[in-house]
Amino acid sequence: MKDVTMYSDEELSLIFLNDEFSYIDMRRSIMRHNSFIRFADDHVKESYIFTPEQLEDLEETYNNEWTEYWEE
Protein backbone atom coordinates (compact mmCIF):
# COMPACT_ATOMS: atom_id res chain seq x y z
CA MET A 1 0.00 0.00 0.00
CA LYS A 2 1.19 3.47 -0.80
CA ASP A 3 0.89 6.01 2.01
CA VAL A 4 -0.15 9.42 0.66
CA THR A 5 -1.23 10.95 3.97
CA MET A 6 1.74 13.32 4.08
CA TYR A 7 0.71 14.96 0.81
CA SER A 8 -1.96 17.54 -0.03
CA ASP A 9 -5.68 16.91 0.13
CA GLU A 10 -5.64 16.65 -3.68
CA GLU A 11 -3.05 13.87 -3.87
CA LEU A 12 -5.43 10.98 -4.57
CA SER A 13 -7.17 12.98 -7.28
CA LEU A 14 -3.84 13.86 -8.82
CA ILE A 15 -2.83 10.22 -8.88
CA PHE A 16 -6.03 9.16 -10.62
CA LEU A 17 -5.96 12.05 -13.09
CA ASN A 18 -2.27 11.89 -13.97
CA ASP A 19 -1.40 8.20 -13.93
CA GLU A 20 -2.61 6.53 -17.12
CA PHE A 21 -3.49 3.18 -15.56
CA SER A 22 -5.23 4.74 -12.56
CA TYR A 23 -7.21 7.05 -14.85
CA ILE A 24 -8.27 4.10 -17.00
CA ASP A 25 -9.49 2.29 -13.86
CA MET A 26 -11.52 5.32 -12.88
CA ARG A 27 -13.03 5.75 -16.36
CA ARG A 28 -13.91 2.05 -16.58
CA SER A 29 -15.66 2.28 -13.24
CA ILE A 30 -17.63 5.28 -14.47
CA MET A 31 -18.53 3.55 -17.74
CA ARG A 32 -19.89 0.62 -15.73
CA HIS A 33 -22.12 2.97 -13.71
CA ASN A 34 -20.28 2.08 -10.52
CA SER A 35 -20.83 4.36 -7.57
CA PHE A 36 -17.90 6.14 -6.01
CA ILE A 37 -18.16 3.84 -2.99
CA ARG A 38 -17.67 0.79 -5.18
CA PHE A 39 -14.80 2.46 -7.03
CA ALA A 40 -13.15 3.37 -3.72
CA ASP A 41 -13.55 -0.17 -2.40
CA ASP A 42 -12.22 -1.75 -5.61
CA HIS A 43 -9.39 0.61 -6.53
CA VAL A 44 -8.48 2.98 -3.74
CA LYS A 45 -8.79 1.33 -0.35
CA GLU A 46 -6.71 -1.68 -1.34
CA SER A 47 -3.84 0.40 -2.77
CA TYR A 48 -3.54 3.60 -0.73
CA ILE A 49 -3.41 4.90 2.82
CA PHE A 50 -5.10 8.29 2.76
CA THR A 51 -6.81 10.93 4.84
CA PRO A 52 -10.58 11.52 4.90
CA GLU A 53 -9.98 14.85 3.13
CA GLN A 54 -8.08 13.14 0.33
CA LEU A 55 -10.89 10.64 -0.14
CA GLU A 56 -13.45 13.45 -0.12
CA ASP A 57 -11.52 15.32 -2.81
CA LEU A 58 -11.24 12.16 -4.91
CA GLU A 59 -14.99 11.61 -4.59
CA GLU A 60 -15.58 15.12 -5.93
CA THR A 61 -13.21 14.44 -8.82
CA TYR A 62 -14.90 11.11 -9.54
CA ASN A 63 -18.33 12.72 -9.54
CA ASN A 64 -17.11 15.47 -11.89
CA GLU A 65 -15.68 12.86 -14.26
CA TRP A 66 -18.96 10.91 -14.03
CA THR A 67 -20.98 13.99 -14.96
CA GLU A 68 -18.62 14.86 -17.82
CA TYR A 69 -18.74 11.30 -19.21
CA TRP A 70 -22.51 10.85 -19.04
CA GLU A 71 -23.33 14.32 -20.36
CA GLU A 72 -21.25 13.82 -23.53
C-alpha atoms as a PDB file:
ATOM      1  CA  MET A   1       0.000   0.000   0.000  1.00  0.00           C
ATOM      2  CA  LYS A   2       1.193   3.475  -0.800  1.00  0.00           C
ATOM      3  CA  ASP A   3       0.894   6.005   2.009  1.00  0.00           C
ATOM      4  CA  VAL A   4      -0.145   9.418   0.660  1.00  0.00           C
ATOM      5  CA  THR A   5      -1.234  10.948   3.967  1.00  0.00           C
ATOM      6  CA  MET A   6       1.741  13.320   4.082  1.00  0.00           C
ATOM      7  CA  TYR A   7       0.706  14.965   0.808  1.00  0.00           C
ATOM      8  CA  SER A   8      -1.959  17.535  -0.034  1.00  0.00           C
ATOM      9  CA  ASP A   9      -5.684  16.914   0.131  1.00  0.00           C
ATOM     10  CA  GLU A  10      -5.645  16.648  -3.676  1.00  0.00           C
ATOM     11  CA  GLU A  11      -3.048  13.873  -3.870  1.00  0.00           C
ATOM     12  CA  LEU A  12      -5.428  10.983  -4.572  1.00  0.00           C
ATOM     13  CA  SER A  13      -7.169  12.978  -7.278  1.00  0.00           C
ATOM     14  CA  LEU A  14      -3.838  13.863  -8.822  1.00  0.00           C
ATOM     15  CA  ILE A  15      -2.831  10.218  -8.877  1.00  0.00           C
ATOM     16  CA  PHE A  16      -6.027   9.164 -10.618  1.00  0.00           C
ATOM     17  CA  LEU A  17      -5.963  12.047 -13.086  1.00  0.00           C
ATOM     18  CA  ASN A  18      -2.271  11.886 -13.973  1.00  0.00           C
ATOM     19  CA  ASP A  19      -1.399   8.201 -13.926  1.00  0.00           C
ATOM     20  CA  GLU A  20      -2.608   6.533 -17.119  1.00  0.00           C
ATOM     21  CA  PHE A  21      -3.494   3.183 -15.562  1.00  0.00           C
ATOM     22  CA  SER A  22      -5.232   4.744 -12.564  1.00  0.00           C
ATOM     23  CA  TYR A  23      -7.212   7.047 -14.849  1.00  0.00           C
ATOM     24  CA  ILE A  24      -8.267   4.100 -17.000  1.00  0.00           C
ATOM     25  CA  ASP A  25      -9.488   2.286 -13.865  1.00  0.00           C
ATOM     26  CA  MET A  26     -11.524   5.323 -12.877  1.00  0.00           C
ATOM     27  CA  ARG A  27     -13.031   5.754 -16.356  1.00  0.00           C
ATOM     28  CA  ARG A  28     -13.908   2.052 -16.583  1.00  0.00           C
ATOM     29  CA  SER A  29     -15.655   2.282 -13.243  1.00  0.00           C
ATOM     30  CA  ILE A  30     -17.629   5.282 -14.467  1.00  0.00           C
ATOM     31  CA  MET A  31     -18.526   3.548 -17.743  1.00  0.00           C
ATOM     32  CA  ARG A  32     -19.886   0.619 -15.726  1.00  0.00           C
ATOM     33  CA  HIS A  33     -22.121   2.974 -13.715  1.00  0.00           C
ATOM     34  CA  ASN A  34     -20.280   2.079 -10.520  1.00  0.00           C
ATOM     35  CA  SER A  35     -20.832   4.358  -7.574  1.00  0.00           C
ATOM     36  CA  PHE A  36     -17.899   6.139  -6.006  1.00  0.00           C
ATOM     37  CA  ILE A  37     -18.155   3.836  -2.995  1.00  0.00           C
ATOM     38  CA  ARG A  38     -17.672   0.785  -5.184  1.00  0.00           C
ATOM     39  CA  PHE A  39     -14.798   2.459  -7.029  1.00  0.00           C
ATOM     40  CA  ALA A  40     -13.147   3.368  -3.719  1.00  0.00           C
ATOM     41  CA  ASP A  41     -13.552  -0.174  -2.403  1.00  0.00           C
ATOM     42  CA  ASP A  42     -12.216  -1.754  -5.606  1.00  0.00           C
ATOM     43  CA  HIS A  43      -9.386   0.613  -6.535  1.00  0.00           C
ATOM     44  CA  VAL A  44      -8.482   2.981  -3.738  1.00  0.00           C
ATOM     45  CA  LYS A  45      -8.790   1.326  -0.348  1.00  0.00           C
ATOM     46  CA  GLU A  46      -6.713  -1.683  -1.343  1.00  0.00           C
ATOM     47  CA  SER A  47      -3.843   0.396  -2.767  1.00  0.00           C
ATOM     48  CA  TYR A  48      -3.543   3.601  -0.733  1.00  0.00           C
ATOM     49  CA  ILE A  49      -3.408   4.896   2.820  1.00  0.00           C
ATOM     50  CA  PHE A  50      -5.096   8.286   2.763  1.00  0.00           C
ATOM     51  CA  THR A  51      -6.813  10.931   4.843  1.00  0.00           C
ATOM     52  CA  PRO A  52     -10.576  11.517   4.902  1.00  0.00           C
ATOM     53  CA  GLU A  53      -9.977  14.847   3.133  1.00  0.00           C
ATOM     54  CA  GLN A  54      -8.076  13.141   0.327  1.00  0.00           C
ATOM     55  CA  LEU A  55     -10.886  10.643  -0.136  1.00  0.00           C
ATOM     56  CA  GLU A  56     -13.450  13.448  -0.124  1.00  0.00           C
ATOM     57  CA  ASP A  57     -11.521  15.320  -2.813  1.00  0.00           C
ATOM     58  CA  LEU A  58     -11.240  12.158  -4.907  1.00  0.00           C
ATOM     59  CA  GLU A  59     -14.991  11.612  -4.590  1.00  0.00           C
ATOM     60  CA  GLU A  60     -15.584  15.122  -5.929  1.00  0.00           C
ATOM     61  CA  THR A  61     -13.208  14.439  -8.819  1.00  0.00           C
ATOM     62  CA  TYR A  62     -14.898  11.109  -9.542  1.00  0.00           C
ATOM     63  CA  ASN A  63     -18.333  12.722  -9.543  1.00  0.00           C
ATOM     64  CA  ASN A  64     -17.111  15.472 -11.887  1.00  0.00           C
ATOM     65  CA  GLU A  65     -15.681  12.862 -14.259  1.00  0.00           C
ATOM     66  CA  TRP A  66     -18.957  10.913 -14.026  1.00  0.00           C
ATOM     67  CA  THR A  67     -20.975  13.989 -14.964  1.00  0.00           C
ATOM     68  CA  GLU A  68     -18.624  14.856 -17.820  1.00  0.00           C
ATOM     69  CA  TYR A  69     -18.744  11.305 -19.205  1.00  0.00           C
ATOM     70  CA  TRP A  70     -22.513  10.854 -19.036  1.00  0.00           C
ATOM     71  CA  GLU A  71     -23.330  14.323 -20.358  1.00  0.00           C
ATOM     72  CA  GLU A  72     -21.247  13.823 -23.534  1.00  0.00           C
END
